[in-house]
PDB file of N, CA and C in Angstrom:
ATOM      1  N   MET A   1       7.446  -9.911   2.169  1.00  0.00           N
ATOM      2  CA  MET A   1       6.174 -11.133   2.168  1.00  0.00           C
ATOM      3  C   MET A   1       5.516 -11.064   3.411  1.00  0.00           C
ATOM      4  N   ARG A   2       6.383 -10.802   4.659  1.00  0.00           N
ATOM      5  CA  ARG A   2       5.468 -10.858   5.837  1.00  0.00           C
ATOM      6  C   ARG A   2       3.952  -9.957   5.989  1.00  0.00           C
ATOM      7  N   VAL A   3       4.359  -8.780   5.399  1.00  0.00           N
ATOM      8  CA  VAL A   3       3.851  -7.417   5.619  1.00  0.00           C
ATOM      9  C   VAL A   3       2.659  -7.420   4.841  1.00  0.00           C
ATOM     10  N   LYS A   4       2.906  -7.877   3.341  1.00  0.00           N
ATOM     11  CA  LYS A   4       2.174  -8.423   2.523  1.00  0.00           C
ATOM     12  C   LYS A   4       1.133  -9.375   3.096  1.00  0.00           C
ATOM     13  N   GLY A   5       1.480 -10.379   3.462  1.00  0.00           N
ATOM     14  CA  GLY A   5       0.434 -11.473   4.444  1.00  0.00           C
ATOM     15  C   GLY A   5      -0.314 -10.861   5.335  1.00  0.00           C
ATOM     16  N   ARG A   6       0.224 -10.100   6.105  1.00  0.00           N
ATOM     17  CA  ARG A   6      -0.706  -9.365   7.056  1.00  0.00           C
ATOM     18  C   ARG A   6      -1.861  -8.431   6.377  1.00  0.00           C
ATOM     19  N   LEU A   7      -1.427  -7.432   5.320  1.00  0.00           N
ATOM     20  CA  LEU A   7      -2.658  -6.536   4.949  1.00  0.00           C
ATOM     21  C   LEU A   7      -3.826  -7.295   4.198  1.00  0.00           C
ATOM     22  N   ILE A   8      -3.313  -8.296   3.074  1.00  0.00           N
ATOM     23  CA  ILE A   8      -3.875  -9.727   2.918  1.00  0.00           C
ATOM     24  C   ILE A   8      -4.924 -10.558   3.633  1.00  0.00           C
ATOM     25  N   GLY A   9      -4.108 -11.272   4.597  1.00  0.00           N
ATOM     26  CA  GLY A   9      -4.701 -12.002   5.778  1.00  0.00           C
ATOM     27  C   GLY A   9      -4.934 -13.275   4.834  1.00  0.00           C
ATOM     28  N   GLU A  10      -5.421 -14.177   5.451  1.00  0.00           N
ATOM     29  CA  GLU A  10      -5.965 -15.756   5.103  1.00  0.00           C
ATOM     30  C   GLU A  10      -7.211 -15.675   3.942  1.00  0.00           C
ATOM     31  N   LYS A  11      -6.602 -16.169   2.833  1.00  0.00           N
ATOM     32  CA  LYS A  11      -7.983 -16.059   1.795  1.00  0.00           C
ATOM     33  C   LYS A  11      -8.453 -14.992   1.570  1.00  0.00           C
ATOM     34  N   GLY A  12      -7.447 -13.486   2.204  1.00  0.00           N
ATOM     35  CA  GLY A  12      -8.067 -11.914   1.701  1.00  0.00           C
ATOM     36  C   GLY A  12      -9.236 -11.748   2.882  1.00  0.00           C
ATOM     37  N   LYS A  13      -9.040 -12.491   3.776  1.00  0.00           N
ATOM     38  CA  LYS A  13     -10.032 -11.959   5.052  1.00  0.00           C
ATOM     39  C   LYS A  13      -9.743 -10.389   5.485  1.00  0.00           C
ATOM     40  N   THR A  14      -8.226 -10.115   5.686  1.00  0.00           N
ATOM     41  CA  THR A  14      -7.999  -8.869   6.270  1.00  0.00           C
ATOM     42  C   THR A  14      -8.400  -7.540   5.223  1.00  0.00           C
ATOM     43  N   ARG A  15      -8.007  -7.947   4.085  1.00  0.00           N
ATOM     44  CA  ARG A  15      -8.279  -6.873   2.826  1.00  0.00           C
ATOM     45  C   ARG A  15      -9.604  -6.577   2.991  1.00  0.00           C
ATOM     46  N   LYS A  16     -10.643  -7.778   2.914  1.00  0.00           N
ATOM     47  CA  LYS A  16     -11.966  -7.909   2.605  1.00  0.00           C
ATOM     48  C   LYS A  16     -12.578  -6.984   3.571  1.00  0.00           C
ATOM     49  N   MET A  17     -12.278  -7.114   5.246  1.00  0.00           N
ATOM     50  CA  MET A  17     -12.452  -6.537   6.657  1.00  0.00           C
ATOM     51  C   MET A  17     -12.214  -5.174   6.068  1.00  0.00           C
ATOM     52  N   ILE A  18     -11.068  -4.380   5.966  1.00  0.00           N
ATOM     53  CA  ILE A  18     -10.948  -3.319   5.813  1.00  0.00           C
ATOM     54  C   ILE A  18     -11.704  -2.300   4.517  1.00  0.00           C
ATOM     55  N   GLU A  19     -12.242  -3.347   3.835  1.00  0.00           N
ATOM     56  CA  GLU A  19     -12.572  -2.733   2.449  1.00  0.00           C
ATOM     57  C   GLU A  19     -14.545  -2.406   2.909  1.00  0.00           C
ATOM     58  N   GLU A  20     -14.883  -3.701   3.812  1.00  0.00           N
ATOM     59  CA  GLU A  20     -15.932  -3.595   4.127  1.00  0.00           C
ATOM     60  C   GLU A  20     -16.306  -2.397   5.213  1.00  0.00           C
ATOM     61  N   LEU A  21     -15.420  -2.268   6.163  1.00  0.00           N
ATOM     62  CA  LEU A  21     -15.553  -1.410   7.193  1.00  0.00           C
ATOM     63  C   LEU A  21     -15.457   0.189   7.123  1.00  0.00           C
ATOM     64  N   THR A  22     -14.711   0.612   5.636  1.00  0.00           N
ATOM     65  CA  THR A  22     -14.303   1.777   5.333  1.00  0.00           C
ATOM     66  C   THR A  22     -14.914   1.886   4.082  1.00  0.00           C
ATOM     67  N   GLU A  23     -15.551   1.242   3.436  1.00  0.00           N
ATOM     68  CA  GLU A  23     -16.411   1.015   2.011  1.00  0.00           C
ATOM     69  C   GLU A  23     -15.155   1.814   0.940  1.00  0.00           C
ATOM     70  N   ALA A  24     -14.219   1.651   1.157  1.00  0.00           N
ATOM     71  CA  ALA A  24     -13.072   1.716   0.443  1.00  0.00           C
ATOM     72  C   ALA A  24     -12.474   0.525  -0.512  1.00  0.00           C
ATOM     73  N   TYR A  25     -11.781   0.630  -1.854  1.00  0.00           N
ATOM     74  CA  TYR A  25     -11.420  -0.248  -2.148  1.00  0.00           C
ATOM     75  C   TYR A  25      -9.623  -0.561  -2.267  1.00  0.00           C
ATOM     76  N   ILE A  26      -9.447  -1.797  -1.890  1.00  0.00           N
ATOM     77  CA  ILE A  26      -7.959  -1.826  -1.469  1.00  0.00           C
ATOM     78  C   ILE A  26      -7.343  -2.569  -2.522  1.00  0.00           C
ATOM     79  N   SER A  27      -6.017  -2.325  -3.131  1.00  0.00           N
ATOM     80  CA  SER A  27      -5.157  -3.685  -4.109  1.00  0.00           C
ATOM     81  C   SER A  27      -4.090  -3.408  -3.745  1.00  0.00           C
ATOM     82  N   VAL A  28      -3.545  -4.816  -3.249  1.00  0.00           N
ATOM     83  CA  VAL A  28      -2.331  -4.859  -2.780  1.00  0.00           C
ATOM     84  C   VAL A  28      -1.345  -5.717  -4.124  1.00  0.00           C
ATOM     85  N   PHE A  29      -0.548  -5.346  -4.562  1.00  0.00           N
ATOM     86  CA  PHE A  29       0.185  -6.214  -5.798  1.00  0.00           C
ATOM     87  C   PHE A  29       1.972  -5.399  -5.453  1.00  0.00           C
ATOM     88  N   GLY A  30       2.830  -6.489  -5.340  1.00  0.00           N
ATOM     89  CA  GLY A  30       3.970  -6.441  -4.986  1.00  0.00           C
ATOM     90  C   GLY A  30       4.675  -5.662  -3.860  1.00  0.00           C
ATOM     91  N   HIS A  31       4.931  -4.350  -3.829  1.00  0.00           N
ATOM     92  CA  HIS A  31       5.158  -3.404  -2.641  1.00  0.00           C
ATOM     93  C   HIS A  31       4.371  -2.277  -2.666  1.00  0.00           C
ATOM     94  N   THR A  32       3.583  -2.083  -3.498  1.00  0.00           N
ATOM     95  CA  THR A  32       2.343  -1.448  -3.532  1.00  0.00           C
ATOM     96  C   THR A  32       1.140  -1.568  -3.130  1.00  0.00           C
ATOM     97  N   VAL A  33       0.226  -0.692  -2.172  1.00  0.00           N
ATOM     98  CA  VAL A  33      -1.051  -1.001  -1.878  1.00  0.00           C
ATOM     99  C   VAL A  33      -1.730   0.666  -2.549  1.00  0.00           C
ATOM    100  N   ALA A  34      -2.830   0.398  -2.711  1.00  0.00           N
ATOM    101  CA  ALA A  34      -3.781   1.386  -3.363  1.00  0.00           C
ATOM    102  C   ALA A  34      -4.674   1.305  -2.898  1.00  0.00           C
ATOM    103  N   ILE A  35      -5.432   2.526  -2.264  1.00  0.00           N
ATOM    104  CA  ILE A  35      -6.755   2.879  -1.501  1.00  0.00           C
ATOM    105  C   ILE A  35      -7.407   4.103  -2.709  1.00  0.00           C
ATOM    106  N   ILE A  36      -8.636   3.240  -2.862  1.00  0.00           N
ATOM    107  CA  ILE A  36      -9.439   4.365  -3.834  1.00  0.00           C
ATOM    108  C   ILE A  36     -10.976   4.522  -2.972  1.00  0.00           C
ATOM    109  N   GLY A  37     -11.208   5.606  -2.840  1.00  0.00           N
ATOM    110  CA  GLY A  37     -12.550   5.952  -2.163  1.00  0.00           C
ATOM    111  C   GLY A  37     -12.745   7.538  -1.710  1.00  0.00           C
ATOM    112  N   GLU A  38     -13.392   7.820  -1.060  1.00  0.00           N
ATOM    113  CA  GLU A  38     -13.739   9.192  -0.595  1.00  0.00           C
ATOM    114  C   GLU A  38     -12.868   9.506   0.429  1.00  0.00           C
ATOM    115  N   HIS A  39     -12.764  11.086   0.635  1.00  0.00           N
ATOM    116  CA  HIS A  39     -11.487  11.450   1.603  1.00  0.00           C
ATOM    117  C   HIS A  39     -11.723  10.698   3.268  1.00  0.00           C
ATOM    118  N   LEU A  40     -12.798  10.713   3.924  1.00  0.00           N
ATOM    119  CA  LEU A  40     -12.616   9.762   5.314  1.00  0.00           C
ATOM    120  C   LEU A  40     -12.297   8.486   4.800  1.00  0.00           C
ATOM    121  N   GLN A  41     -12.820   7.556   3.911  1.00  0.00           N
ATOM    122  CA  GLN A  41     -12.733   6.410   3.636  1.00  0.00           C
ATOM    123  C   GLN A  41     -11.132   6.321   3.107  1.00  0.00           C
ATOM    124  N   LEU A  42     -10.826   7.086   2.429  1.00  0.00           N
ATOM    125  CA  LEU A  42      -8.908   7.294   2.286  1.00  0.00           C
ATOM    126  C   LEU A  42      -8.619   7.286   3.957  1.00  0.00           C
ATOM    127  N   GLU A  43      -8.757   8.244   4.766  1.00  0.00           N
ATOM    128  CA  GLU A  43      -8.423   8.624   6.048  1.00  0.00           C
ATOM    129  C   GLU A  43      -8.049   7.191   6.996  1.00  0.00           C
ATOM    130  N   PHE A  44      -8.815   6.819   7.155  1.00  0.00           N
ATOM    131  CA  PHE A  44      -8.891   5.605   7.990  1.00  0.00           C
ATOM    132  C   PHE A  44      -8.519   4.164   7.227  1.00  0.00           C
ATOM    133  N   ALA A  45      -8.918   4.041   6.082  1.00  0.00           N
ATOM    134  CA  ALA A  45      -8.308   2.655   5.740  1.00  0.00           C
ATOM    135  C   ALA A  45      -6.756   2.964   5.534  1.00  0.00           C
ATOM    136  N   LYS A  46      -6.044   3.934   5.041  1.00  0.00           N
ATOM    137  CA  LYS A  46      -4.658   4.227   5.435  1.00  0.00           C
ATOM    138  C   LYS A  46      -4.217   3.985   6.617  1.00  0.00           C
ATOM    139  N   LYS A  47      -4.987   4.511   7.716  1.00  0.00           N
ATOM    140  CA  LYS A  47      -4.530   4.465   8.908  1.00  0.00           C
ATOM    141  C   LYS A  47      -4.604   3.482   9.362  1.00  0.00           C
ATOM    142  N   ALA A  48      -5.686   2.336   8.836  1.00  0.00           N
ATOM    143  CA  ALA A  48      -5.703   0.948   9.146  1.00  0.00           C
ATOM    144  C   ALA A  48      -4.574  -0.002   8.379  1.00  0.00           C
ATOM    145  N   VAL A  49      -4.151   0.191   7.115  1.00  0.00           N
ATOM    146  CA  VAL A  49      -2.968  -0.109   6.327  1.00  0.00           C
ATOM    147  C   VAL A  49      -1.534  -0.149   7.255  1.00  0.00           C
ATOM    148  N   LEU A  50      -1.097   1.120   7.753  1.00  0.00           N
ATOM    149  CA  LEU A  50      -0.299   1.766   8.203  1.00  0.00           C
ATOM    150  C   LEU A  50      -0.307   0.897  10.051  1.00  0.00           C
ATOM    151  N   MET A  51      -1.212   0.685  10.747  1.00  0.00           N
ATOM    152  CA  MET A  51      -1.113  -0.116  11.800  1.00  0.00           C
ATOM    153  C   MET A  51      -0.540  -1.425  11.809  1.00  0.00           C
ATOM    154  N   LEU A  52      -1.488  -2.071  10.514  1.00  0.00           N
ATOM    155  CA  LEU A  52      -1.002  -3.663  10.742  1.00  0.00           C
ATOM    156  C   LEU A  52       0.798  -3.368   9.665  1.00  0.00           C
ATOM    157  N   ILE A  53       1.192  -2.808   9.294  1.00  0.00           N
ATOM    158  CA  ILE A  53       2.491  -2.610   8.467  1.00  0.00           C
ATOM    159  C   ILE A  53       3.427  -2.712  10.034  1.00  0.00           C
ATOM    160  N   LYS A  54       2.988  -1.690  10.747  1.00  0.00           N
ATOM    161  CA  LYS A  54       3.458  -1.603  11.889  1.00  0.00           C
ATOM    162  C   LYS A  54       3.489  -2.611  13.239  1.00  0.00           C
ATOM    163  N   GLY A  55       3.087  -3.672  12.766  1.00  0.00           N
ATOM    164  CA  GLY A  55       2.483  -4.737  13.718  1.00  0.00           C
ATOM    165  C   GLY A  55       1.383  -4.462  14.693  1.00  0.00           C
ATOM    166  N   SER A  56       0.689  -3.813  14.774  1.00  0.00           N
ATOM    167  CA  SER A  56      -0.652  -4.039  15.650  1.00  0.00           C
ATOM    168  C   SER A  56      -1.188  -5.509  15.306  1.00  0.00           C
ATOM    169  N   GLN A  57      -1.883  -5.709  16.313  1.00  0.00           N
ATOM    170  CA  GLN A  57      -2.546  -6.914  15.893  1.00  0.00           C
ATOM    171  C   GLN A  57      -3.862  -6.830  15.004  1.00  0.00           C
ATOM    172  N   HIS A  58      -4.513  -7.407  14.357  1.00  0.00           N
ATOM    173  CA  HIS A  58      -5.947  -7.191  13.657  1.00  0.00           C
ATOM    174  C   HIS A  58      -6.814  -7.064  14.448  1.00  0.00           C
ATOM    175  N   SER A  59      -6.869  -7.554  15.646  1.00  0.00           N
ATOM    176  CA  SER A  59      -8.072  -7.124  16.387  1.00  0.00           C
ATOM    177  C   SER A  59      -8.150  -5.894  16.609  1.00  0.00           C
ATOM    178  N   SER A  60      -7.114  -5.209  17.125  1.00  0.00           N
ATOM    179  CA  SER A  60      -6.543  -3.651  17.007  1.00  0.00           C
ATOM    180  C   SER A  60      -7.241  -3.014  15.858  1.00  0.00           C
ATOM    181  N   VAL A  61      -7.264  -3.506  14.973  1.00  0.00           N
ATOM    182  CA  VAL A  61      -7.096  -2.748  13.708  1.00  0.00           C
ATOM    183  C   VAL A  61      -8.697  -2.701  13.388  1.00  0.00           C
ATOM    184  N   TYR A  62      -9.291  -3.962  13.721  1.00  0.00           N
ATOM    185  CA  TYR A  62     -10.597  -3.945  13.221  1.00  0.00           C
ATOM    186  C   TYR A  62     -11.690  -3.211  14.280  1.00  0.00           C
ATOM    187  N   LYS A  63     -10.878  -3.116  15.505  1.00  0.00           N
ATOM    188  CA  LYS A  63     -11.627  -2.267  16.859  1.00  0.00           C
ATOM    189  C   LYS A  63     -11.733  -0.856  16.396  1.00  0.00           C
ATOM    190  N   PHE A  64     -10.778  -0.351  15.798  1.00  0.00           N
ATOM    191  CA  PHE A  64     -10.611   1.113  15.156  1.00  0.00           C
ATOM    192  C   PHE A  64     -11.407   1.390  14.252  1.00  0.00           C
ATOM    193  N   LEU A  65     -11.457   0.539  13.277  1.00  0.00           N
ATOM    194  CA  LEU A  65     -12.367   0.555  11.899  1.00  0.00           C
ATOM    195  C   LEU A  65     -13.674   0.571  12.378  1.00  0.00           C
ATOM    196  N   GLY A  66     -14.095   0.049  13.497  1.00  0.00           N
ATOM    197  CA  GLY A  66     -15.352  -0.231  13.904  1.00  0.00           C
ATOM    198  C   GLY A  66     -15.901   0.929  14.175  1.00  0.00           C
ATOM    199  N   ARG A  67     -14.774   1.683  15.107  1.00  0.00           N
ATOM    200  CA  ARG A  67     -15.394   2.781  15.688  1.00  0.00           C
ATOM    201  C   ARG A  67     -15.219   4.032  14.627  1.00  0.00           C
ATOM    202  N   LYS A  68     -14.581   3.875  13.814  1.00  0.00           N
ATOM    203  CA  LYS A  68     -14.941   5.036  12.625  1.00  0.00           C
ATOM    204  C   LYS A  68     -15.731   4.960  11.579  1.00  0.00           C
ATOM    205  N   ARG A  69     -16.239   3.842  11.535  1.00  0.00           N
ATOM    206  CA  ARG A  69     -17.179   3.176  10.642  1.00  0.00           C
ATOM    207  C   ARG A  69     -18.681   4.383  10.700  1.00  0.00           C
ATOM    208  N   ASN A  70     -19.119   4.712  12.219  1.00  0.00           N
ATOM    209  CA  ASN A  70     -20.058   5.384  12.255  1.00  0.00           C
ATOM    210  C   ASN A  70     -19.651   7.085  11.633  1.00  0.00           C
ATOM    211  N   LEU A  71     -18.658   7.450  11.738  1.00  0.00           N
ATOM    212  CA  LEU A  71     -18.192   8.819  11.470  1.00  0.00           C
ATOM    213  C   LEU A  71     -18.365   8.571   9.748  1.00  0.00           C
ATOM    214  N   ILE A  72     -17.814   7.200   8.975  1.00  0.00           N
ATOM    215  CA  ILE A  72     -18.115   7.782   7.480  1.00  0.00           C
ATOM    216  C   ILE A  72     -19.791   7.365   7.364  1.00  0.00           C
ATOM    217  N   LYS A  73     -20.436   6.693   8.093  1.00  0.00           N
ATOM    218  CA  LYS A  73     -21.716   6.875   7.748  1.00  0.00           C
ATOM    219  C   LYS A  73     -22.360   8.197   7.858  1.00  0.00           C
ATOM    220  N   LYS A  74     -22.214   8.698   8.951  1.00  0.00           N
ATOM    221  CA  LYS A  74     -22.708  10.197   9.540  1.00  0.00           C
ATOM    222  C   LYS A  74     -22.276  11.302   8.071  1.00  0.00           C
ATOM    223  N   SER A  75     -21.249  11.066   7.525  1.00  0.00           N
ATOM    224  CA  SER A  75     -20.398  11.993   6.432  1.00  0.00           C
ATOM    225  C   SER A  75     -21.327  11.775   5.344  1.00  0.00           C
ATOM    226  N   LYS A  76     -21.466  10.619   4.870  1.00  0.00           N
ATOM    227  CA  LYS A  76     -22.430  10.502   3.718  1.00  0.00           C
ATOM    228  C   LYS A  76     -23.809  11.244   4.123  1.00  0.00           C
ATOM    229  N   PHE A  77     -24.737  11.126   5.157  1.00  0.00           N
ATOM    230  CA  PHE A  77     -26.099  11.563   5.493  1.00  0.00           C
ATOM    231  C   PHE A  77     -25.768  13.221   5.264  1.00  0.00           C
ATOM    232  N   SER A  78     -24.780  13.647   6.004  1.00  0.00           N
ATOM    233  CA  SER A  78     -24.197  15.299   6.071  1.00  0.00           C
ATOM    234  C   SER A  78     -24.377  15.971   4.700  1.00  0.00           C
ATOM    235  N   ILE A  79     -23.720  15.074   3.766  1.00  0.00           N
ATOM    236  CA  ILE A  79     -23.676  15.742   2.360  1.00  0.00           C
ATOM    237  C   ILE A  79     -24.839  15.537   1.834  1.00  0.00           C
ATOM    238  N   TRP A  80     -25.928  14.889   2.038  1.00  0.00           N
ATOM    239  CA  TRP A  80     -27.005  15.118   1.098  1.00  0.00           C
ATOM    240  C   TRP A  80     -27.956  15.935   2.515  1.00  0.00           C
ATOM    241  N   LYS A  81     -28.035  16.253   3.534  1.00  0.00           N
ATOM    242  CA  LYS A  81     -29.191  17.098   4.032  1.00  0.00           C
ATOM    243  C   LYS A  81     -29.304  18.456   2.965  1.00  0.00           C
ATOM    244  N   PRO A  82     -28.422  19.250   2.980  1.00  0.00           N
ATOM    245  CA  PRO A  82     -28.553  20.298   2.604  1.00  0.00           C
ATOM    246  C   PRO A  82     -29.626  20.237   1.014  1.00  0.00           C
ATOM    247  N   PHE A  83     -29.404  19.434   0.391  1.00  0.00           N
ATOM    248  CA  PHE A  83     -30.094  19.145  -0.590  1.00  0.00           C
ATOM    249  C   PHE A  83     -31.569  18.506  -0.714  1.00  0.00           C
ATOM    250  N   LEU A  84     -31.743  17.800   0.513  1.00  0.00           N
ATOM    251  CA  LEU A  84     -32.975  17.350   1.112  1.00  0.00           C
ATOM    252  C   LEU A  84     -33.773  18.416   1.149  1.00  0.00           C
ATOM    253  N   PHE A  85     -33.154  19.835   1.727  1.00  0.00           N
ATOM    254  CA  PHE A  85     -34.151  20.842   2.776  1.00  0.00           C
ATOM    255  C   PHE A  85     -34.539  21.628   1.526  1.00  0.00           C
ATOM    256  N   GLU A  86     -33.764  21.818   0.462  1.00  0.00           N
ATOM    257  CA  GLU A  86     -33.879  22.532  -0.581  1.00  0.00           C
ATOM    258  C   GLU A  86     -35.017  22.542  -1.337  1.00  0.00           C
ATOM    259  N   GLU A  87     -35.346  21.265  -1.585  1.00  0.00           N
ATOM    260  CA  GLU A  87     -36.571  20.076  -2.126  1.00  0.00           C
ATOM    261  C   GLU A  87     -37.859  20.484  -1.220  1.00  0.00           C
ATOM    262  N   GLU A  88     -37.682  20.827  -0.053  1.00  0.00           N
ATOM    263  CA  GLU A  88     -39.017  21.032   0.571  1.00  0.00           C
ATOM    264  C   GLU A  88     -39.440  22.082   0.628  1.00  0.00           C
TER     265      GLU A  88
END
């Protein structure tokens, strides 16, 4: 119950923060955590969930995700660049 509470947070704040920073969807049900998203989103969300399970402070997890958010955004642009250049 304690680990589940750490993942969800007060009024769902922690889960929502992880979802916003990684742009992945997270579901916590019983002893199961489900994450839906693209490759980088999954990788960083999984790392954040594992950090919380191992006992890391929430602020440390938020800082980690804040740094990784830029990589997620850059990866989205790099996917579309080849298509943009082909049209020109």
